[in-house]
Amino acid sequence: MREVKIIVDKRERNLDILEGLSGSGILLSFAQLPVGDYVLSERMCVERKTVSDFESSIMNARLFDQIGRLSNTYRKPILLLEGEESEFTLNPNVALGAIISLYSDFNVQVIRSRDTAETVSMLAGLAEREQDEGRVPRMLGSKRAFTNAQWQLLILSSIPGIGPKLARSLISHFKTIKNVVSAEPDALMEVDKIGEKKAEKIYEILNAEFLDE
């Protein structure tokens, strides 16, 4: 029987998952991964988030940065979202919109698990399937500083309703983020794929006074 291996980010602190994987006969090795939490093969890497982590990363705009780098590094990127439906606190449309964007804009498969036990089973099963096909886990990617253009795309992509493609269209049309922020809805509508409702929402988010709730 082939020995199944998983490379785990050394900052992973969930002992239930680590012990569960080891108890399942998975050989674990640890490294500081540039992207993701679990490398299952040369093409598959998993970013694991609890519902709370997922919602926080939406609110502070880290989600699309992390997932963008994951998608650019591995051919089979996966977000494993752990937790029950009842744990969500954000407006359901916000969470659903983020999940749709991950799939349609980043080609990231989102897999749900109810708890750590199910997470262990999924990670073990995916790793076994990949490695049965002869694909070995391999750490890819490197930490590197973002260029100004990448930061501009990331900032615009964090606005609800704007994925990477639309962010690129906006910055290409207006040239600077300052110009995007100062643009009236009619001007925003000059960009392909931005209708009246989306233009008004973008304008509202960029120009509304901050109210800490």
Protein backbone atom coordinates (compact mmCIF):
# COMPACT_ATOMS: atom_id res chain seq x y z
CA MET A 1 0.00 0.00 0.00
CA ARG A 2 1.33 3.42 -0.97
CA GLU A 3 2.32 5.67 1.94
CA VAL A 4 0.23 8.85 1.80
CA LYS A 5 1.98 12.12 2.66
CA ILE A 6 0.76 15.65 3.35
CA ILE A 7 2.90 18.77 3.74
CA VAL A 8 1.39 20.92 6.50
CA ASP A 9 2.02 24.59 7.14
CA LYS A 10 4.05 24.69 10.34
CA ARG A 11 1.81 27.46 11.70
CA GLU A 12 -1.15 25.07 11.77
CA ARG A 13 -2.30 24.88 15.39
CA ASN A 14 -5.34 22.59 15.19
CA LEU A 15 -4.12 19.51 17.01
CA ASP A 16 -7.36 17.62 16.40
CA ILE A 17 -6.71 17.71 12.66
CA LEU A 18 -3.02 16.87 12.96
CA GLU A 19 -3.68 13.99 15.33
CA GLY A 20 -6.56 12.79 13.17
CA LEU A 21 -4.41 12.72 10.06
CA SER A 22 -1.54 10.95 11.85
CA GLY A 23 -3.99 8.46 13.34
CA SER A 24 -5.27 7.74 9.83
CA GLY A 25 -1.78 6.66 8.81
CA ILE A 26 -0.91 9.88 6.94
CA LEU A 27 2.77 10.83 7.07
CA LEU A 28 2.97 14.53 7.92
CA SER A 29 5.86 16.86 7.20
CA PHE A 30 5.93 20.52 8.19
CA ALA A 31 7.16 23.62 6.38
CA GLN A 32 6.32 27.31 6.22
CA LEU A 33 4.12 27.22 3.15
CA PRO A 34 4.07 30.29 0.89
CA VAL A 35 0.41 29.55 0.12
CA GLY A 36 -2.28 27.33 1.62
CA ASP A 37 -2.34 25.09 4.68
CA TYR A 38 -2.06 21.55 3.30
CA VAL A 39 -0.21 20.42 0.18
CA LEU A 40 -1.71 17.15 -1.04
CA SER A 41 0.08 16.78 -4.37
CA GLU A 42 2.12 18.66 -6.94
CA ARG A 43 -1.10 20.20 -8.25
CA MET A 44 -3.43 20.33 -5.21
CA CYS A 45 -3.21 22.60 -2.18
CA VAL A 46 -5.91 23.28 0.43
CA GLU A 47 -6.60 26.48 2.31
CA ARG A 48 -8.69 25.61 5.37
CA LYS A 49 -10.91 28.18 7.03
CA THR A 50 -13.50 27.93 9.74
CA VAL A 51 -16.69 29.89 9.14
CA SER A 52 -15.38 32.57 11.51
CA ASP A 53 -12.03 32.76 9.68
CA PHE A 54 -13.82 32.92 6.34
CA GLU A 55 -16.05 35.80 7.39
CA SER A 56 -13.16 37.72 8.95
CA SER A 57 -11.08 37.34 5.79
CA ILE A 58 -13.95 38.74 3.73
CA MET A 59 -14.31 41.76 6.00
CA ASN A 60 -10.59 42.62 6.10
CA ALA A 61 -10.07 41.80 2.38
CA ARG A 62 -7.44 39.09 3.04
CA LEU A 63 -9.52 36.37 1.38
CA PHE A 64 -8.93 37.32 -2.26
CA ASP A 65 -5.23 37.97 -1.64
CA GLN A 66 -4.75 34.49 -0.15
CA ILE A 67 -6.92 32.74 -2.69
CA GLY A 68 -5.41 34.64 -5.61
CA ARG A 69 -1.91 33.48 -4.69
CA LEU A 70 -3.17 29.93 -4.10
CA SER A 71 -4.86 29.87 -7.50
CA ASN A 72 -1.77 31.23 -9.24
CA THR A 73 0.45 28.58 -7.65
CA TYR A 74 -1.49 25.29 -7.83
CA ARG A 75 -3.60 23.88 -10.66
CA LYS A 76 -6.12 22.37 -8.23
CA PRO A 77 -6.65 24.96 -5.50
CA ILE A 78 -9.24 24.16 -2.83
CA LEU A 79 -10.83 26.18 -0.05
CA LEU A 80 -12.09 23.85 2.67
CA LEU A 81 -14.76 25.74 4.61
CA GLU A 82 -15.34 24.16 8.01
CA GLY A 83 -18.43 24.73 10.13
CA GLU A 84 -22.20 24.45 10.29
CA GLU A 85 -24.57 26.73 8.39
CA SER A 86 -25.80 28.13 11.71
CA GLU A 87 -22.34 29.57 12.45
CA PHE A 88 -22.56 32.18 9.69
CA THR A 89 -23.19 35.71 10.93
CA LEU A 90 -22.73 37.73 7.72
CA ASN A 91 -25.57 38.47 5.36
CA PRO A 92 -26.02 35.21 3.38
CA ASN A 93 -25.67 37.10 0.10
CA VAL A 94 -22.21 38.36 1.12
CA ALA A 95 -20.88 34.89 1.92
CA LEU A 96 -22.52 33.39 -1.18
CA GLY A 97 -21.12 36.17 -3.36
CA ALA A 98 -17.62 35.49 -2.05
CA ILE A 99 -17.95 31.75 -2.72
CA ILE A 100 -19.22 32.40 -6.26
CA SER A 101 -16.32 34.77 -6.88
CA LEU A 102 -13.79 32.19 -5.67
CA TYR A 103 -15.08 29.68 -8.18
CA SER A 104 -15.84 31.93 -11.16
CA ASP A 105 -12.94 34.40 -10.84
CA PHE A 106 -10.21 32.26 -9.24
CA ASN A 107 -11.19 28.71 -10.31
CA VAL A 108 -11.05 27.63 -6.68
CA GLN A 109 -13.23 24.71 -5.60
CA VAL A 110 -15.00 25.35 -2.28
CA ILE A 111 -15.62 22.20 -0.22
CA ARG A 112 -17.71 22.25 2.97
CA SER A 113 -17.06 20.17 6.08
CA ARG A 114 -19.14 20.15 9.26
CA ASP A 115 -16.28 19.75 11.76
CA THR A 116 -12.65 18.79 12.22
CA ALA A 117 -13.42 15.07 11.95
CA GLU A 118 -14.93 15.55 8.52
CA THR A 119 -12.04 17.83 7.56
CA VAL A 120 -9.61 15.03 8.43
CA SER A 121 -11.55 12.55 6.29
CA MET A 122 -11.64 14.93 3.33
CA LEU A 123 -7.94 15.79 3.49
CA ALA A 124 -6.96 12.15 3.81
CA GLY A 125 -9.28 11.07 0.98
CA LEU A 126 -8.12 13.80 -1.39
CA ALA A 127 -4.45 13.12 -0.66
CA GLU A 128 -4.90 9.37 -1.17
CA ARG A 129 -6.72 9.88 -4.46
CA GLU A 130 -4.07 12.28 -5.77
CA GLN A 131 -1.15 10.11 -4.72
CA ASP A 132 -2.72 6.90 -6.04
CA GLU A 133 -2.34 8.60 -9.43
CA GLY A 134 1.37 9.08 -8.79
CA ARG A 135 1.21 12.76 -7.85
CA VAL A 136 3.48 13.54 -4.92
CA PRO A 137 3.06 16.54 -2.60
CA ARG A 138 5.36 19.36 -3.57
CA MET A 139 5.70 22.80 -2.03
CA LEU A 140 5.43 25.46 -4.73
CA GLY A 141 5.54 29.24 -4.79
CA SER A 142 7.48 31.80 -2.85
CA LYS A 143 6.70 34.83 -0.79
CA ARG A 144 7.23 37.98 -2.81
CA ALA A 145 6.34 41.62 -2.54
CA PHE A 146 3.32 42.77 -4.49
CA THR A 147 3.81 45.30 -7.25
CA ASN A 148 1.76 48.50 -7.24
CA ALA A 149 -0.44 47.03 -9.96
CA GLN A 150 -1.13 43.91 -7.89
CA TRP A 151 -2.02 45.99 -4.84
CA GLN A 152 -4.35 48.13 -6.96
CA LEU A 153 -6.15 45.05 -8.27
CA LEU A 154 -6.34 43.58 -4.78
CA ILE A 155 -7.86 46.76 -3.32
CA LEU A 156 -10.50 47.00 -6.03
CA SER A 157 -11.24 43.25 -5.87
CA SER A 158 -12.12 43.60 -2.17
CA ILE A 159 -15.18 45.71 -3.06
CA PRO A 160 -18.35 43.55 -3.08
CA GLY A 161 -19.38 42.71 -6.63
CA ILE A 162 -15.94 43.35 -8.12
CA GLY A 163 -13.81 40.34 -8.98
CA PRO A 164 -10.30 40.34 -10.47
CA LYS A 165 -11.51 40.75 -14.08
CA LEU A 166 -13.73 43.73 -13.29
CA ALA A 167 -11.02 45.25 -11.09
CA ARG A 168 -8.63 45.11 -14.04
CA SER A 169 -11.23 46.72 -16.30
CA LEU A 170 -11.79 49.53 -13.79
CA ILE A 171 -8.12 50.35 -13.25
CA SER A 172 -7.44 50.13 -16.99
CA HIS A 173 -10.26 52.56 -17.71
CA PHE A 174 -9.64 55.07 -14.89
CA LYS A 175 -5.82 54.63 -14.62
CA THR A 176 -5.68 55.25 -10.84
CA ILE A 177 -7.67 54.17 -7.77
CA LYS A 178 -8.13 57.86 -6.95
CA ASN A 179 -9.98 58.29 -10.23
CA VAL A 180 -12.16 55.27 -9.50
CA VAL A 181 -13.07 56.64 -6.08
CA SER A 182 -13.97 60.07 -7.46
CA ALA A 183 -15.95 58.72 -10.42
CA GLU A 184 -19.70 59.33 -10.48
CA PRO A 185 -22.05 56.37 -11.18
CA ASP A 186 -22.54 57.48 -14.79
CA ALA A 187 -18.78 57.37 -15.36
CA LEU A 188 -18.49 53.96 -13.69
CA MET A 189 -21.14 52.64 -16.07
CA GLU A 190 -18.80 53.33 -18.99
CA VAL A 191 -16.87 50.23 -17.90
CA ASP A 192 -18.12 46.98 -19.43
CA LYS A 193 -20.15 44.76 -17.05
CA ILE A 194 -21.04 47.65 -14.71
CA GLY A 195 -24.74 48.45 -14.81
CA GLU A 196 -26.66 51.11 -12.95
CA LYS A 197 -27.18 49.17 -9.73
CA LYS A 198 -23.58 48.01 -9.50
CA ALA A 199 -22.29 51.51 -10.28
CA GLU A 200 -24.44 53.03 -7.55
CA LYS A 201 -23.30 50.39 -5.04
CA ILE A 202 -19.62 50.94 -5.85
CA TYR A 203 -20.07 54.70 -5.54
CA GLU A 204 -21.90 54.29 -2.24
CA ILE A 205 -19.21 52.05 -0.69
CA LEU A 206 -16.36 54.30 -1.80
CA ASN A 207 -17.98 57.56 -0.70
CA ALA A 208 -20.09 56.70 2.35
CA GLU A 209 -19.00 58.11 5.72
CA PHE A 210 -17.49 55.40 7.94
CA LEU A 211 -19.81 54.35 10.76
CA ASP A 212 -18.29 51.82 13.14
CA GLU A 213 -21.10 49.41 14.04
